[in-house]
């Protein structure tokens, strides 16, 4: 059960990041840096956001796993 809880927490954080990226941060970057002119630059920025989300998901999953292992060893 703990293993699935770790994955669910990581996936939830990933969805939150993707929501923030797609609906708040990316439109802000497009407006500030005028990325509408270059579709390639827009796609590269969008891909960069997805990569950040993937690393965030991996970091959170590993961190939760280490925390749960530490709790098991101290009990």
PDB file of N, CA and C in Angstrom:
ATOM      1  N   UNK A   1       0.818  -1.201   0.000  1.00  0.00           N
ATOM      2  CA  UNK A   1       0.000   0.000   0.000  1.00  0.00           C
ATOM      3  C   UNK A   1       0.865   1.271   0.000  1.00  0.00           C
ATOM      4  N   UNK A   2       1.984   1.239   0.738  1.00  0.00           N
ATOM      5  CA  UNK A   2       2.850   2.417   0.783  1.00  0.00           C
ATOM      6  C   UNK A   2       3.440   2.746  -0.569  1.00  0.00           C
ATOM      7  N   UNK A   3       3.768   1.699  -1.340  1.00  0.00           N
ATOM      8  CA  UNK A   3       4.358   1.926  -2.658  1.00  0.00           C
ATOM      9  C   UNK A   3       3.380   2.675  -3.561  1.00  0.00           C
ATOM     10  N   UNK A   4       2.117   2.267  -3.545  1.00  0.00           N
ATOM     11  CA  UNK A   4       1.126   2.954  -4.375  1.00  0.00           C
ATOM     12  C   UNK A   4       0.859   4.359  -3.852  1.00  0.00           C
ATOM     13  N   UNK A   5       0.949   4.548  -2.535  1.00  0.00           N
ATOM     14  CA  UNK A   5       0.765   5.884  -1.965  1.00  0.00           C
ATOM     15  C   UNK A   5       1.887   6.815  -2.430  1.00  0.00           C
ATOM     16  N   UNK A   6       3.116   6.297  -2.491  1.00  0.00           N
ATOM     17  CA  UNK A   6       4.239   7.102  -2.973  1.00  0.00           C
ATOM     18  C   UNK A   6       4.014   7.543  -4.412  1.00  0.00           C
ATOM     19  N   UNK A   7       3.583   6.612  -5.252  1.00  0.00           N
ATOM     20  CA  UNK A   7       3.343   6.933  -6.659  1.00  0.00           C
ATOM     21  C   UNK A   7       2.184   7.901  -6.810  1.00  0.00           C
ATOM     22  N   UNK A   8       1.130   7.708  -6.026  1.00  0.00           N
ATOM     23  CA  UNK A   8      -0.024   8.610  -6.126  1.00  0.00           C
ATOM     24  C   UNK A   8       0.352  10.026  -5.725  1.00  0.00           C
ATOM     25  N   UNK A   9       1.154  10.161  -4.686  1.00  0.00           N
ATOM     26  CA  UNK A   9       1.595  11.495  -4.273  1.00  0.00           C
ATOM     27  C   UNK A   9       2.458  12.140  -5.355  1.00  0.00           C
ATOM     28  N   UNK A  10       3.356  11.371  -5.929  1.00  0.00           N
ATOM     29  CA  UNK A  10       4.199  11.896  -7.009  1.00  0.00           C
ATOM     30  C   UNK A  10       3.392  12.297  -8.225  1.00  0.00           C
ATOM     31  N   UNK A  11       2.419  11.471  -8.598  1.00  0.00           N
ATOM     32  CA  UNK A  11       1.572  11.774  -9.758  1.00  0.00           C
ATOM     33  C   UNK A  11       0.716  13.003  -9.481  1.00  0.00           C
ATOM     34  N   UNK A  12       0.201  13.127  -8.266  1.00  0.00           N
ATOM     35  CA  UNK A  12      -0.591  14.299  -7.908  1.00  0.00           C
ATOM     36  C   UNK A  12       0.248  15.571  -8.024  1.00  0.00           C
ATOM     37  N   UNK A  13       1.474  15.525  -7.524  1.00  0.00           N
ATOM     38  CA  UNK A  13       2.363  16.688  -7.648  1.00  0.00           C
ATOM     39  C   UNK A  13       2.682  16.989  -9.111  1.00  0.00           C
ATOM     40  N   UNK A  14       2.838  15.936  -9.915  1.00  0.00           N
ATOM     41  CA  UNK A  14       3.103  16.125 -11.343  1.00  0.00           C
ATOM     42  C   UNK A  14       1.921  16.812 -12.028  1.00  0.00           C
ATOM     43  N   UNK A  15       0.701  16.383 -11.716  1.00  0.00           N
ATOM     44  CA  UNK A  15      -0.477  17.014 -12.307  1.00  0.00           C
ATOM     45  C   UNK A  15      -0.620  18.468 -11.861  1.00  0.00           C
ATOM     46  N   UNK A  16      -0.301  18.738 -10.603  1.00  0.00           N
ATOM     47  CA  UNK A  16      -0.352  20.125 -10.121  1.00  0.00           C
ATOM     48  C   UNK A  16       0.662  20.977 -10.879  1.00  0.00           C
ATOM     49  N   UNK A  17       1.888  20.449 -11.047  1.00  0.00           N
ATOM     50  CA  UNK A  17       2.908  21.188 -11.792  1.00  0.00           C
ATOM     51  C   UNK A  17       2.465  21.431 -13.228  1.00  0.00           C
ATOM     52  N   UNK A  18       1.918  20.405 -13.885  1.00  0.00           N
ATOM     53  CA  UNK A  18       1.506  20.562 -15.282  1.00  0.00           C
ATOM     54  C   UNK A  18       0.381  21.594 -15.401  1.00  0.00           C
ATOM     55  N   UNK A  19      -0.526  21.593 -14.425  1.00  0.00           N
ATOM     56  CA  UNK A  19      -1.587  22.602 -14.436  1.00  0.00           C
ATOM     57  C   UNK A  19      -1.025  24.002 -14.281  1.00  0.00           C
ATOM     58  N   UNK A  20      -0.109  24.158 -13.336  1.00  0.00           N
ATOM     59  CA  UNK A  20       0.530  25.465 -13.152  1.00  0.00           C
ATOM     60  C   UNK A  20       1.303  25.874 -14.395  1.00  0.00           C
ATOM     61  N   UNK A  21       2.010  24.920 -14.984  1.00  0.00           N
ATOM     62  CA  UNK A  21       2.834  25.222 -16.156  1.00  0.00           C
ATOM     63  C   UNK A  21       1.978  25.632 -17.342  1.00  0.00           C
ATOM     64  N   UNK A  22       0.950  24.817 -17.648  1.00  0.00           N
ATOM     65  CA  UNK A  22       0.155  25.049 -18.861  1.00  0.00           C
ATOM     66  C   UNK A  22      -0.729  26.281 -18.765  1.00  0.00           C
ATOM     67  N   UNK A  23      -1.280  26.550 -17.575  1.00  0.00           N
ATOM     68  CA  UNK A  23      -2.296  27.594 -17.476  1.00  0.00           C
ATOM     69  C   UNK A  23      -1.824  28.880 -16.811  1.00  0.00           C
ATOM     70  N   UNK A  24      -0.652  28.868 -16.166  1.00  0.00           N
ATOM     71  CA  UNK A  24      -0.177  30.086 -15.512  1.00  0.00           C
ATOM     72  C   UNK A  24       1.209  30.490 -16.019  1.00  0.00           C
ATOM     73  N   UNK A  25       2.188  29.604 -15.869  1.00  0.00           N
ATOM     74  CA  UNK A  25       3.568  29.983 -16.192  1.00  0.00           C
ATOM     75  C   UNK A  25       3.831  30.119 -17.687  1.00  0.00           C
ATOM     76  N   UNK A  26       3.387  29.150 -18.481  1.00  0.00           N
ATOM     77  CA  UNK A  26       3.652  29.213 -19.923  1.00  0.00           C
ATOM     78  C   UNK A  26       2.979  30.427 -20.577  1.00  0.00           C
ATOM     79  N   UNK A  27       1.696  30.712 -20.292  1.00  0.00           N
ATOM     80  CA  UNK A  27       1.119  31.932 -20.887  1.00  0.00           C
ATOM     81  C   UNK A  27       1.850  33.211 -20.452  1.00  0.00           C
ATOM     82  N   UNK A  28       2.325  33.224 -19.203  1.00  0.00           N
ATOM     83  CA  UNK A  28       3.090  34.377 -18.736  1.00  0.00           C
ATOM     84  C   UNK A  28       4.386  34.529 -19.531  1.00  0.00           C
ATOM     85  N   UNK A  29       5.102  33.411 -19.722  1.00  0.00           N
ATOM     86  CA  UNK A  29       6.347  33.465 -20.494  1.00  0.00           C
ATOM     87  C   UNK A  29       6.099  33.859 -21.943  1.00  0.00           C
ATOM     88  N   UNK A  30       5.007  33.373 -22.513  1.00  0.00           N
ATOM     89  CA  UNK A  30       4.673  33.718 -23.900  1.00  0.00           C
ATOM     90  C   UNK A  30       4.430  35.215 -24.020  1.00  0.00           C
ATOM     91  N   UNK A  31       3.714  35.777 -23.041  1.00  0.00           N
ATOM     92  CA  UNK A  31       3.400  37.204 -23.099  1.00  0.00           C
ATOM     93  C   UNK A  31       4.653  38.062 -22.866  1.00  0.00           C
ATOM     94  N   UNK A  32       5.456  37.693 -21.883  1.00  0.00           N
ATOM     95  CA  UNK A  32       6.625  38.500 -21.533  1.00  0.00           C
ATOM     96  C   UNK A  32       7.700  38.433 -22.616  1.00  0.00           C
ATOM     97  N   UNK A  33       7.991  37.222 -23.103  1.00  0.00           N
ATOM     98  CA  UNK A  33       9.075  37.056 -24.069  1.00  0.00           C
ATOM     99  C   UNK A  33       8.588  36.988 -25.512  1.00  0.00           C
ATOM    100  N   UNK A  34       7.295  37.205 -25.727  1.00  0.00           N
ATOM    101  CA  UNK A  34       6.690  37.220 -27.059  1.00  0.00           C
ATOM    102  C   UNK A  34       7.061  35.969 -27.852  1.00  0.00           C
ATOM    103  N   UNK A  35       6.746  34.806 -27.282  1.00  0.00           N
ATOM    104  CA  UNK A  35       7.084  33.535 -27.912  1.00  0.00           C
ATOM    105  C   UNK A  35       6.112  33.135 -29.011  1.00  0.00           C
ATOM    106  N   UNK A  36       5.060  33.919 -29.234  1.00  0.00           N
ATOM    107  CA  UNK A  36       4.096  33.588 -30.285  1.00  0.00           C
ATOM    108  C   UNK A  36       4.701  33.712 -31.674  1.00  0.00           C
ATOM    109  N   UNK A  37       5.727  34.539 -31.807  1.00  0.00           N
ATOM    110  CA  UNK A  37       6.332  34.745 -33.120  1.00  0.00           C
ATOM    111  C   UNK A  37       7.065  33.503 -33.615  1.00  0.00           C
ATOM    112  N   UNK A  38       7.633  32.745 -32.698  1.00  0.00           N
ATOM    113  CA  UNK A  38       8.417  31.576 -33.081  1.00  0.00           C
ATOM    114  C   UNK A  38       7.798  30.317 -32.476  1.00  0.00           C
ATOM    115  N   UNK A  39       7.204  29.500 -33.328  1.00  0.00           N
ATOM    116  CA  UNK A  39       6.566  28.278 -32.847  1.00  0.00           C
ATOM    117  C   UNK A  39       7.595  27.310 -32.281  1.00  0.00           C
ATOM    118  N   UNK A  40       8.779  27.255 -32.868  1.00  0.00           N
ATOM    119  CA  UNK A  40       9.821  26.351 -32.374  1.00  0.00           C
ATOM    120  C   UNK A  40      10.249  26.732 -30.958  1.00  0.00           C
ATOM    121  N   UNK A  41      10.398  28.014 -30.704  1.00  0.00           N
ATOM    122  CA  UNK A  41      10.783  28.469 -29.369  1.00  0.00           C
ATOM    123  C   UNK A  41       9.672  28.198 -28.363  1.00  0.00           C
ATOM    124  N   UNK A  42       8.423  28.376 -28.787  1.00  0.00           N
ATOM    125  CA  UNK A  42       7.280  28.069 -27.925  1.00  0.00           C
ATOM    126  C   UNK A  42       7.279  26.586 -27.566  1.00  0.00           C
ATOM    127  N   UNK A  43       7.472  25.719 -28.557  1.00  0.00           N
ATOM    128  CA  UNK A  43       7.486  24.277 -28.305  1.00  0.00           C
ATOM    129  C   UNK A  43       8.664  23.878 -27.422  1.00  0.00           C
ATOM    130  N   UNK A  44       9.809  24.503 -27.612  1.00  0.00           N
ATOM    131  CA  UNK A  44      10.970  24.220 -26.785  1.00  0.00           C
ATOM    132  C   UNK A  44      10.712  24.619 -25.331  1.00  0.00           C
ATOM    133  N   UNK A  45      10.087  25.757 -25.128  1.00  0.00           N
ATOM    134  CA  UNK A  45       9.747  26.202 -23.782  1.00  0.00           C
ATOM    135  C   UNK A  45       8.733  25.261 -23.150  1.00  0.00           C
ATOM    136  N   UNK A  46       7.759  24.813 -23.928  1.00  0.00           N
ATOM    137  CA  UNK A  46       6.758  23.873 -23.431  1.00  0.00           C
ATOM    138  C   UNK A  46       7.415  22.549 -23.046  1.00  0.00           C
ATOM    139  N   UNK A  47       8.316  22.063 -23.869  1.00  0.00           N
ATOM    140  CA  UNK A  47       9.039  20.827 -23.574  1.00  0.00           C
ATOM    141  C   UNK A  47       9.887  20.978 -22.316  1.00  0.00           C
ATOM    142  N   UNK A  48      10.497  22.131 -22.145  1.00  0.00           N
ATOM    143  CA  UNK A  48      11.286  22.406 -20.945  1.00  0.00           C
ATOM    144  C   UNK A  48      10.423  22.283 -19.691  1.00  0.00           C
ATOM    145  N   UNK A  49       9.201  22.762 -19.758  1.00  0.00           N
ATOM    146  CA  UNK A  49       8.281  22.633 -18.625  1.00  0.00           C
ATOM    147  C   UNK A  49       7.949  21.188 -18.320  1.00  0.00           C
ATOM    148  N   UNK A  50       7.759  20.389 -19.357  1.00  0.00           N
ATOM    149  CA  UNK A  50       7.490  18.964 -19.146  1.00  0.00           C
ATOM    150  C   UNK A  50       8.696  18.259 -18.528  1.00  0.00           C
ATOM    151  N   UNK A  51       9.897  18.621 -18.949  1.00  0.00           N
ATOM    152  CA  UNK A  51      11.103  18.028 -18.367  1.00  0.00           C
ATOM    153  C   UNK A  51      11.238  18.388 -16.892  1.00  0.00           C
ATOM    154  N   UNK A  52      10.955  19.631 -16.561  1.00  0.00           N
ATOM    155  CA  UNK A  52      10.984  20.041 -15.158  1.00  0.00           C
ATOM    156  C   UNK A  52       9.974  19.223 -14.364  1.00  0.00           C
ATOM    157  N   UNK A  53       8.786  19.027 -14.928  1.00  0.00           N
ATOM    158  CA  UNK A  53       7.767  18.221 -14.256  1.00  0.00           C
ATOM    159  C   UNK A  53       8.211  16.789 -14.042  1.00  0.00           C
ATOM    160  N   UNK A  54       8.873  16.209 -15.020  1.00  0.00           N
ATOM    161  CA  UNK A  54       9.375  14.841 -14.877  1.00  0.00           C
ATOM    162  C   UNK A  54      10.425  14.726 -13.789  1.00  0.00           C
ATOM    163  N   UNK A  55      11.357  15.675 -13.751  1.00  0.00           N
ATOM    164  CA  UNK A  55      12.367  15.660 -12.701  1.00  0.00           C
ATOM    165  C   UNK A  55      11.736  15.896 -11.330  1.00  0.00           C
ATOM    166  N   UNK A  56      10.745  16.772 -11.277  1.00  0.00           N
ATOM    167  CA  UNK A  56      10.037  17.025 -10.022  1.00  0.00           C
ATOM    168  C   UNK A  56       9.331  15.764  -9.537  1.00  0.00           C
ATOM    169  N   UNK A  57       8.685  15.050 -10.462  1.00  0.00           N
ATOM    170  CA  UNK A  57       8.007  13.800 -10.118  1.00  0.00           C
ATOM    171  C   UNK A  57       9.005  12.779  -9.579  1.00  0.00           C
ATOM    172  N   UNK A  58      10.135  12.627 -10.239  1.00  0.00           N
ATOM    173  CA  UNK A  58      11.147  11.662  -9.797  1.00  0.00           C
ATOM    174  C   UNK A  58      11.705  12.048  -8.430  1.00  0.00           C
ATOM    175  N   UNK A  59      11.985  13.321  -8.234  1.00  0.00           N
ATOM    176  CA  UNK A  59      12.525  13.785  -6.960  1.00  0.00           C
ATOM    177  C   UNK A  59      11.547  13.534  -5.821  1.00  0.00           C
ATOM    178  N   UNK A  60      10.282  13.873  -6.033  1.00  0.00           N
ATOM    179  CA  UNK A  60       9.278  13.688  -4.984  1.00  0.00           C
ATOM    180  C   UNK A  60       9.079  12.209  -4.686  1.00  0.00           C
ATOM    181  N   UNK A  61       9.019  11.374  -5.702  1.00  0.00           N
ATOM    182  CA  UNK A  61       8.839   9.934  -5.491  1.00  0.00           C
ATOM    183  C   UNK A  61      10.001   9.340  -4.702  1.00  0.00           C
ATOM    184  N   UNK A  62      11.226   9.703  -5.060  1.00  0.00           N
ATOM    185  CA  UNK A  62      12.401   9.188  -4.357  1.00  0.00           C
ATOM    186  C   UNK A  62      12.429   9.703  -2.924  1.00  0.00           C
ATOM    187  N   UNK A  63      12.093  10.958  -2.746  1.00  0.00           N
ATOM    188  CA  UNK A  63      12.093  11.559  -1.407  1.00  0.00           C
ATOM    189  C   UNK A  63      11.069  10.879  -0.505  1.00  0.00           C
ATOM    190  N   UNK A  64       9.876  10.628  -1.020  1.00  0.00           N
ATOM    191  CA  UNK A  64       8.837   9.964  -0.233  1.00  0.00           C
ATOM    192  C   UNK A  64       9.272   8.546   0.111  1.00  0.00           C
ATOM    193  N   UNK A  65       9.877   7.865  -0.840  1.00  0.00           N
ATOM    194  CA  UNK A  65      10.342   6.494  -0.594  1.00  0.00           C
ATOM    195  C   UNK A  65      11.401   6.474   0.507  1.00  0.00           C
ATOM    196  N   UNK A  66      12.360   7.396   0.466  1.00  0.00           N
ATOM    197  CA  UNK A  66      13.393   7.455   1.501  1.00  0.00           C
ATOM    198  C   UNK A  66      12.785   7.760   2.860  1.00  0.00           C
ATOM    199  N   UNK A  67      11.816   8.656   2.901  1.00  0.00           N
ATOM    200  CA  UNK A  67      11.165   9.009   4.156  1.00  0.00           C
ATOM    201  C   UNK A  67      10.422   7.819   4.735  1.00  0.00           C
ATOM    202  N   UNK A  68       9.707   7.075   3.886  1.00  0.00           N
ATOM    203  CA  UNK A  68       8.960   5.922   4.385  1.00  0.00           C
ATOM    204  C   UNK A  68       9.904   4.813   4.842  1.00  0.00           C
ATOM    205  N   UNK A  69      11.041   4.643   4.179  1.00  0.00           N
ATOM    206  CA  UNK A  69      12.025   3.641   4.607  1.00  0.00           C
ATOM    207  C   UNK A  69      12.634   4.047   5.940  1.00  0.00           C
ATOM    208  N   UNK A  70      12.933   5.337   6.119  1.00  0.00           N
ATOM    209  CA  UNK A  70      13.494   5.815   7.382  1.00  0.00           C
ATOM    210  C   UNK A  70      12.513   5.627   8.529  1.00  0.00           C
ATOM    211  N   UNK A  71      11.229   5.835   8.283  1.00  0.00           N
ATOM    212  CA  UNK A  71      10.221   5.639   9.322  1.00  0.00           C
ATOM    213  C   UNK A  71      10.131   4.171   9.710  1.00  0.00           C
ATOM    214  N   UNK A  72      10.239   3.268   8.735  1.00  0.00           N
ATOM    215  CA  UNK A  72      10.169   1.833   9.024  1.00  0.00           C
ATOM    216  C   UNK A  72      11.365   1.384   9.854  1.00  0.00           C
ATOM    217  N   UNK A  73      12.547   1.926   9.582  1.00  0.00           N
ATOM    218  CA  UNK A  73      13.744   1.492  10.308  1.00  0.00           C
ATOM    219  C   UNK A  73      13.779   2.053  11.722  1.00  0.00           C
ATOM    220  N   UNK A  74      13.160   3.205  11.952  1.00  0.00           N
ATOM    221  CA  UNK A  74      13.162   3.783  13.295  1.00  0.00           C
ATOM    222  C   UNK A  74      12.103   3.148  14.184  1.00  0.00           C
ATOM    223  N   UNK A  75      11.092   2.542  13.605  1.00  0.00           N
ATOM    224  CA  UNK A  75      10.037   1.918  14.421  1.00  0.00           C
ATOM    225  C   UNK A  75      10.438   0.614  14.950  1.00  0.00           C
TER     226      UNK A  75
END
